[in-house]
């Protein structure tokens, strides 16, 4: 029984011109108990939904870091394939200098180590969300 379904009893005290509207105690207590139960159910439902959302968030973050690690692995293989030992190096590649700008660039070995490092960091971060 909800609050809007309560029925008031009209009472006219003796010697008074006023009428009083009263609710029976048992009906009011039943309505309060029902509302409290609905509140508890709503709280439990909201908590369950927040836990589900948190788990979904962790799963998606893990997938993101694994995708980043996979991309870093692709970069690693790109540099290995592009400048592998079988393809040979130019003098600029070996020294790590740009022919046009004459400034220090990363060598092929540095790029390979860079992407290995990125992959290992991404895999470590993905393990945090396992």
N, C-alpha and C. Protein backbone atom coordinates (compact mmCIF):
# COMPACT_ATOMS: atom_id res chain seq x y z
N UNK A 1 0.86 -1.17 0.00
CA UNK A 1 0.00 0.00 0.00
C UNK A 1 0.90 1.23 0.00
N UNK A 2 0.73 2.09 -0.98
CA UNK A 2 1.54 3.29 -1.08
C UNK A 2 0.82 4.46 -0.40
N UNK A 3 1.55 5.54 -0.22
CA UNK A 3 1.00 6.69 0.51
C UNK A 3 -0.24 7.27 -0.17
N UNK A 4 -0.26 7.28 -1.49
CA UNK A 4 -1.43 7.87 -2.17
C UNK A 4 -2.65 6.96 -2.13
N UNK A 5 -2.47 5.71 -1.69
CA UNK A 5 -3.60 4.80 -1.58
C UNK A 5 -4.20 4.77 -0.17
N UNK A 6 -3.60 5.51 0.76
CA UNK A 6 -4.13 5.53 2.12
C UNK A 6 -5.50 6.22 2.14
N UNK A 7 -6.37 5.67 2.95
CA UNK A 7 -7.71 6.25 3.07
C UNK A 7 -7.84 6.89 4.45
N UNK A 8 -8.23 8.13 4.45
CA UNK A 8 -8.38 8.87 5.70
C UNK A 8 -9.76 8.62 6.30
N UNK A 9 -9.78 8.58 7.61
CA UNK A 9 -11.05 8.45 8.33
C UNK A 9 -11.42 9.85 8.87
N UNK A 10 -12.65 10.21 8.69
CA UNK A 10 -13.11 11.52 9.16
C UNK A 10 -13.71 11.35 10.55
N UNK A 11 -13.22 12.17 11.47
CA UNK A 11 -13.69 12.11 12.85
C UNK A 11 -14.17 13.51 13.26
N UNK A 12 -15.36 13.53 13.90
CA UNK A 12 -15.89 14.80 14.41
C UNK A 12 -15.93 14.67 15.94
N UNK A 13 -15.04 15.37 16.63
CA UNK A 13 -15.05 15.30 18.09
C UNK A 13 -16.32 15.94 18.66
N UNK A 14 -16.75 15.46 19.83
CA UNK A 14 -17.96 15.99 20.45
C UNK A 14 -17.74 17.44 20.89
N UNK A 15 -18.71 18.24 20.61
CA UNK A 15 -18.70 19.63 21.01
C UNK A 15 -17.77 20.49 20.17
N UNK A 16 -17.38 20.01 19.00
CA UNK A 16 -16.46 20.76 18.14
C UNK A 16 -17.07 20.86 16.75
N UNK A 17 -16.78 21.95 16.08
CA UNK A 17 -17.31 22.13 14.73
C UNK A 17 -16.30 21.69 13.67
N UNK A 18 -15.09 21.36 14.08
CA UNK A 18 -14.05 20.92 13.14
C UNK A 18 -14.17 19.43 12.86
N UNK A 19 -13.73 19.05 11.68
CA UNK A 19 -13.62 17.62 11.36
C UNK A 19 -12.14 17.29 11.21
N UNK A 20 -11.74 16.14 11.68
CA UNK A 20 -10.35 15.70 11.61
C UNK A 20 -10.22 14.55 10.61
N UNK A 21 -9.15 14.59 9.87
CA UNK A 21 -8.84 13.50 8.95
C UNK A 21 -7.69 12.72 9.59
N UNK A 22 -7.85 11.44 9.79
CA UNK A 22 -6.84 10.60 10.43
C UNK A 22 -6.62 9.34 9.61
N UNK A 23 -5.39 8.84 9.69
CA UNK A 23 -5.04 7.57 9.04
C UNK A 23 -4.78 6.54 10.12
N UNK A 24 -5.10 5.32 9.85
CA UNK A 24 -4.85 4.29 10.85
C UNK A 24 -3.35 4.00 10.90
N UNK A 25 -2.84 3.73 12.09
CA UNK A 25 -1.42 3.53 12.30
C UNK A 25 -0.91 2.33 11.52
N UNK A 26 -1.66 1.28 11.46
CA UNK A 26 -1.21 0.07 10.76
C UNK A 26 -1.06 0.32 9.25
N UNK A 27 -1.99 1.11 8.67
CA UNK A 27 -1.89 1.43 7.24
C UNK A 27 -0.67 2.30 6.95
N UNK A 28 -0.43 3.29 7.82
CA UNK A 28 0.72 4.17 7.63
C UNK A 28 2.02 3.39 7.78
N UNK A 29 2.11 2.53 8.78
CA UNK A 29 3.32 1.72 8.98
C UNK A 29 3.56 0.79 7.79
N UNK A 30 2.50 0.24 7.24
CA UNK A 30 2.65 -0.64 6.07
C UNK A 30 3.15 0.15 4.85
N UNK A 31 2.63 1.35 4.67
CA UNK A 31 3.07 2.19 3.54
C UNK A 31 4.53 2.59 3.71
N UNK A 32 4.94 2.94 4.93
CA UNK A 32 6.34 3.31 5.19
C UNK A 32 7.26 2.11 4.95
N UNK A 33 6.87 0.94 5.41
CA UNK A 33 7.68 -0.26 5.21
C UNK A 33 7.84 -0.57 3.72
N UNK A 34 6.76 -0.40 2.96
CA UNK A 34 6.83 -0.65 1.51
C UNK A 34 7.77 0.35 0.83
N UNK A 35 7.70 1.61 1.21
CA UNK A 35 8.58 2.62 0.62
C UNK A 35 10.05 2.37 0.99
N UNK A 36 10.29 1.95 2.23
CA UNK A 36 11.66 1.62 2.63
C UNK A 36 12.20 0.45 1.82
N UNK A 37 11.35 -0.55 1.57
CA UNK A 37 11.78 -1.71 0.78
C UNK A 37 12.10 -1.29 -0.66
N UNK A 38 11.28 -0.42 -1.23
CA UNK A 38 11.54 0.07 -2.58
C UNK A 38 12.86 0.84 -2.64
N UNK A 39 13.14 1.63 -1.60
CA UNK A 39 14.39 2.38 -1.53
C UNK A 39 15.58 1.43 -1.46
N UNK A 40 15.50 0.40 -0.64
CA UNK A 40 16.58 -0.57 -0.54
C UNK A 40 16.80 -1.30 -1.86
N UNK A 41 15.71 -1.65 -2.54
CA UNK A 41 15.82 -2.32 -3.85
C UNK A 41 16.49 -1.40 -4.87
N UNK A 42 16.13 -0.12 -4.84
CA UNK A 42 16.72 0.84 -5.77
C UNK A 42 18.22 1.01 -5.50
N UNK A 43 18.59 1.06 -4.22
CA UNK A 43 20.01 1.18 -3.86
C UNK A 43 20.79 -0.05 -4.33
N UNK A 44 20.23 -1.23 -4.09
CA UNK A 44 20.91 -2.46 -4.50
C UNK A 44 21.06 -2.53 -6.02
N UNK A 45 20.03 -2.11 -6.73
CA UNK A 45 20.07 -2.11 -8.18
C UNK A 45 21.11 -1.13 -8.71
N UNK A 46 21.17 0.06 -8.10
CA UNK A 46 22.15 1.07 -8.53
C UNK A 46 23.57 0.59 -8.25
N UNK A 47 23.78 -0.08 -7.12
CA UNK A 47 25.11 -0.60 -6.80
C UNK A 47 25.53 -1.68 -7.80
N UNK A 48 24.61 -2.58 -8.12
CA UNK A 48 24.92 -3.64 -9.08
C UNK A 48 25.26 -3.06 -10.45
N UNK A 49 24.53 -2.03 -10.86
CA UNK A 49 24.81 -1.40 -12.15
C UNK A 49 26.17 -0.70 -12.14
N UNK A 50 26.53 -0.07 -11.02
CA UNK A 50 27.83 0.61 -10.96
C UNK A 50 28.98 -0.41 -10.97
N UNK A 51 28.79 -1.55 -10.33
CA UNK A 51 29.81 -2.61 -10.36
C UNK A 51 29.96 -3.13 -11.79
N UNK A 52 28.85 -3.36 -12.46
CA UNK A 52 28.90 -3.82 -13.86
C UNK A 52 29.60 -2.80 -14.75
N UNK A 53 29.31 -1.53 -14.55
CA UNK A 53 29.95 -0.48 -15.36
C UNK A 53 31.45 -0.43 -15.07
N UNK A 54 31.83 -0.61 -13.82
CA UNK A 54 33.25 -0.62 -13.46
C UNK A 54 33.99 -1.78 -14.11
N UNK A 55 33.36 -2.95 -14.11
CA UNK A 55 33.99 -4.11 -14.75
C UNK A 55 34.11 -3.91 -16.25
N UNK A 56 33.09 -3.34 -16.85
CA UNK A 56 33.14 -3.06 -18.29
C UNK A 56 34.24 -2.05 -18.60
N UNK A 57 34.39 -1.05 -17.74
CA UNK A 57 35.43 -0.04 -17.92
C UNK A 57 36.82 -0.68 -17.84
N UNK A 58 37.03 -1.55 -16.86
CA UNK A 58 38.32 -2.25 -16.74
C UNK A 58 38.60 -3.11 -17.96
N UNK A 59 37.57 -3.81 -18.45
CA UNK A 59 37.75 -4.67 -19.61
C UNK A 59 38.14 -3.85 -20.84
N UNK A 60 37.49 -2.70 -21.01
CA UNK A 60 37.79 -1.86 -22.16
C UNK A 60 39.18 -1.21 -22.05
N UNK A 61 39.58 -0.81 -20.85
CA UNK A 61 40.92 -0.25 -20.68
C UNK A 61 41.99 -1.30 -20.98
N UNK A 62 41.74 -2.52 -20.53
CA UNK A 62 42.69 -3.61 -20.82
C UNK A 62 42.79 -3.84 -22.32
N UNK A 63 41.66 -3.86 -23.00
CA UNK A 63 41.67 -4.04 -24.45
C UNK A 63 42.40 -2.90 -25.15
N UNK A 64 42.24 -1.70 -24.64
CA UNK A 64 42.94 -0.55 -25.21
C UNK A 64 44.45 -0.70 -25.08
N UNK A 65 44.93 -1.07 -23.89
CA UNK A 65 46.37 -1.21 -23.70
C UNK A 65 46.93 -2.38 -24.51
N UNK A 66 46.16 -3.45 -24.66
CA UNK A 66 46.62 -4.57 -25.50
C UNK A 66 46.69 -4.15 -26.96
N UNK A 67 45.75 -3.33 -27.41
CA UNK A 67 45.78 -2.84 -28.78
C UNK A 67 46.99 -1.93 -28.99
N UNK A 68 47.29 -1.11 -27.99
CA UNK A 68 48.47 -0.25 -28.10
C UNK A 68 49.75 -1.08 -28.16
N UNK A 69 49.81 -2.15 -27.35
CA UNK A 69 50.99 -3.03 -27.39
C UNK A 69 51.10 -3.69 -28.76
N UNK A 70 49.97 -4.09 -29.31
CA UNK A 70 49.97 -4.71 -30.63
C UNK A 70 50.44 -3.72 -31.69
N UNK A 71 50.04 -2.48 -31.57
CA UNK A 71 50.48 -1.44 -32.50
C UNK A 71 51.98 -1.20 -32.36
N UNK A 72 52.48 -1.19 -31.13
CA UNK A 72 53.92 -1.01 -30.92
C UNK A 72 54.70 -2.18 -31.52
N UNK A 73 54.15 -3.37 -31.41
CA UNK A 73 54.80 -4.54 -32.01
C UNK A 73 54.84 -4.39 -33.53
N UNK A 74 53.77 -3.84 -34.09
CA UNK A 74 53.74 -3.59 -35.53
C UNK A 74 54.81 -2.59 -35.94
N UNK A 75 55.00 -1.56 -35.12
CA UNK A 75 56.05 -0.58 -35.40
C UNK A 75 57.43 -1.22 -35.32
N UNK A 76 57.60 -2.09 -34.34
CA UNK A 76 58.87 -2.79 -34.19
C UNK A 76 59.17 -3.62 -35.44
N UNK A 77 58.18 -4.37 -35.91
CA UNK A 77 58.39 -5.19 -37.11
C UNK A 77 58.57 -4.32 -38.34
N UNK A 78 57.92 -3.15 -38.37
CA UNK A 78 58.10 -2.23 -39.49
C UNK A 78 59.55 -1.80 -39.60
N UNK A 79 60.13 -1.40 -38.45
CA UNK A 79 61.51 -0.94 -38.48
C UNK A 79 62.47 -2.08 -38.79
N UNK A 80 62.16 -3.27 -38.29
CA UNK A 80 63.02 -4.41 -38.59
C UNK A 80 62.96 -4.75 -40.08
N UNK A 81 61.76 -4.72 -40.65
CA UNK A 81 61.61 -5.07 -42.06
C UNK A 81 62.19 -3.98 -42.96
N UNK A 82 61.98 -2.73 -42.57
CA UNK A 82 62.45 -1.63 -43.41
C UNK A 82 63.97 -1.53 -43.41
N UNK A 83 64.57 -1.70 -42.25
CA UNK A 83 66.02 -1.53 -42.14
C UNK A 83 66.69 -2.78 -41.59
N UNK A 84 66.19 -3.93 -41.98
CA UNK A 84 66.78 -5.18 -41.51
C UNK A 84 68.18 -5.36 -42.06
N UNK A 85 68.88 -6.31 -41.49
CA UNK A 85 70.26 -6.53 -41.90
C UNK A 85 70.35 -6.98 -43.35
N UNK A 86 69.32 -7.69 -43.82
CA UNK A 86 69.39 -8.17 -45.20
C UNK A 86 69.21 -7.04 -46.21
N UNK A 87 68.58 -5.92 -45.81
CA UNK A 87 68.38 -4.83 -46.77
C UNK A 87 69.57 -3.90 -46.82
N UNK A 88 70.42 -3.92 -45.82
CA UNK A 88 71.60 -3.07 -45.82
C UNK A 88 71.27 -1.68 -45.29
N UNK A 89 72.30 -0.97 -44.82
CA UNK A 89 72.12 0.36 -44.26
C UNK A 89 72.85 1.38 -45.13
N UNK A 90 72.31 2.59 -45.13
CA UNK A 90 73.06 3.69 -45.73
C UNK A 90 73.94 4.29 -44.64
N UNK A 91 74.88 5.12 -45.04
CA UNK A 91 75.76 5.74 -44.06
C UNK A 91 74.97 6.60 -43.08
N UNK A 92 73.97 7.31 -43.58
CA UNK A 92 73.14 8.15 -42.71
C UNK A 92 72.36 7.30 -41.72
N UNK A 93 71.90 6.12 -42.15
CA UNK A 93 71.17 5.23 -41.24
C UNK A 93 72.07 4.75 -40.12
N UNK A 94 73.29 4.41 -40.47
CA UNK A 94 74.20 3.87 -39.47
C UNK A 94 74.60 4.96 -38.47
N UNK A 95 74.91 6.12 -38.96
CA UNK A 95 75.34 7.21 -38.07
C UNK A 95 74.19 7.86 -37.33
N UNK A 96 72.99 7.73 -37.86
CA UNK A 96 71.84 8.33 -37.20
C UNK A 96 71.67 9.79 -37.50
N UNK A 97 72.19 10.26 -38.60
CA UNK A 97 72.06 11.65 -38.99
C UNK A 97 71.18 11.78 -40.21
N UNK A 98 70.42 12.84 -40.26
CA UNK A 98 69.63 13.13 -41.45
C UNK A 98 70.55 13.80 -42.46
N UNK A 99 70.47 13.34 -43.70
CA UNK A 99 71.31 13.89 -44.75
C UNK A 99 70.93 15.34 -45.03
N UNK A 100 69.64 15.65 -44.96
CA UNK A 100 69.18 17.00 -45.30
C UNK A 100 69.39 18.01 -44.19
N UNK A 101 69.20 17.64 -42.95
CA UNK A 101 69.24 18.62 -41.86
C UNK A 101 70.53 18.56 -41.05
N UNK A 102 71.29 17.53 -41.17
CA UNK A 102 72.55 17.36 -40.45
C UNK A 102 72.36 17.38 -38.93
N UNK A 103 71.22 16.94 -38.46
CA UNK A 103 71.03 16.88 -37.02
C UNK A 103 70.89 15.43 -36.60
N UNK A 104 71.10 15.17 -35.33
CA UNK A 104 71.09 13.81 -34.80
C UNK A 104 69.68 13.27 -34.78
N UNK A 105 69.47 12.11 -35.41
CA UNK A 105 68.20 11.39 -35.38
C UNK A 105 68.43 10.06 -34.70
N UNK A 106 67.37 9.40 -34.37
CA UNK A 106 67.50 8.07 -33.79
C UNK A 106 68.00 7.09 -34.85
N UNK A 107 68.83 6.18 -34.39
CA UNK A 107 69.29 5.13 -35.30
C UNK A 107 68.23 4.05 -35.37
N UNK A 108 68.41 3.13 -36.28
CA UNK A 108 67.44 2.03 -36.43
C UNK A 108 67.39 1.21 -35.15
N UNK A 109 68.55 0.94 -34.59
CA UNK A 109 68.59 0.18 -33.34
C UNK A 109 67.86 0.90 -32.22
N UNK A 110 68.00 2.23 -32.18
CA UNK A 110 67.30 3.00 -31.16
C UNK A 110 65.79 2.95 -31.37
N UNK A 111 65.34 3.00 -32.62
CA UNK A 111 63.90 2.89 -32.90
C UNK A 111 63.38 1.52 -32.49
N UNK A 112 64.14 0.49 -32.79
CA UNK A 112 63.71 -0.87 -32.43
C UNK A 112 63.60 -0.99 -30.92
N UNK A 113 64.60 -0.52 -30.19
CA UNK A 113 64.55 -0.56 -28.73
C UNK A 113 63.42 0.30 -28.18
N UNK A 114 63.18 1.44 -28.81
CA UNK A 114 62.09 2.33 -28.40
C UNK A 114 60.75 1.61 -28.46
N UNK A 115 60.47 0.95 -29.58
CA UNK A 115 59.18 0.29 -29.73
C UNK A 115 59.07 -0.97 -28.88
N UNK A 116 60.20 -1.65 -28.61
CA UNK A 116 60.17 -2.78 -27.67
C UNK A 116 59.79 -2.27 -26.28
N UNK A 117 60.36 -1.13 -25.91
CA UNK A 117 60.08 -0.53 -24.61
C UNK A 117 58.60 -0.12 -24.51
N UNK A 118 58.09 0.48 -25.57
CA UNK A 118 56.68 0.88 -25.59
C UNK A 118 55.78 -0.34 -25.43
N UNK A 119 56.09 -1.41 -26.14
CA UNK A 119 55.28 -2.63 -26.06
C UNK A 119 55.29 -3.20 -24.65
N UNK A 120 56.47 -3.27 -24.03
CA UNK A 120 56.54 -3.84 -22.68
C UNK A 120 55.78 -2.98 -21.67
N UNK A 121 55.83 -1.66 -21.83
CA UNK A 121 55.09 -0.78 -20.92
C UNK A 121 53.58 -0.93 -21.12
N UNK A 122 53.16 -1.08 -22.37
CA UNK A 122 51.72 -1.26 -22.64
C UNK A 122 51.22 -2.58 -22.07
N UNK A 123 52.01 -3.64 -22.20
CA UNK A 123 51.61 -4.93 -21.65
C UNK A 123 51.56 -4.88 -20.12
N UNK A 124 52.49 -4.17 -19.52
CA UNK A 124 52.49 -4.02 -18.06
C UNK A 124 51.24 -3.27 -17.60
N UNK A 125 50.89 -2.21 -18.34
CA UNK A 125 49.70 -1.43 -18.00
C UNK A 125 48.43 -2.27 -18.20
N UNK A 126 48.41 -3.10 -19.23
CA UNK A 126 47.24 -3.97 -19.48
C UNK A 126 47.05 -4.96 -18.34
N UNK A 127 48.15 -5.41 -17.74
CA UNK A 127 48.05 -6.36 -16.62
C UNK A 127 47.42 -5.72 -15.39
N UNK A 128 47.54 -4.39 -15.26
CA UNK A 128 46.89 -3.71 -14.14
C UNK A 128 45.37 -3.83 -14.20
N UNK A 129 44.83 -3.96 -15.39
CA UNK A 129 43.38 -4.01 -15.57
C UNK A 129 42.87 -5.42 -15.74
N UNK A 130 43.68 -6.41 -15.44
CA UNK A 130 43.24 -7.81 -15.58
C UNK A 130 42.28 -8.18 -14.50
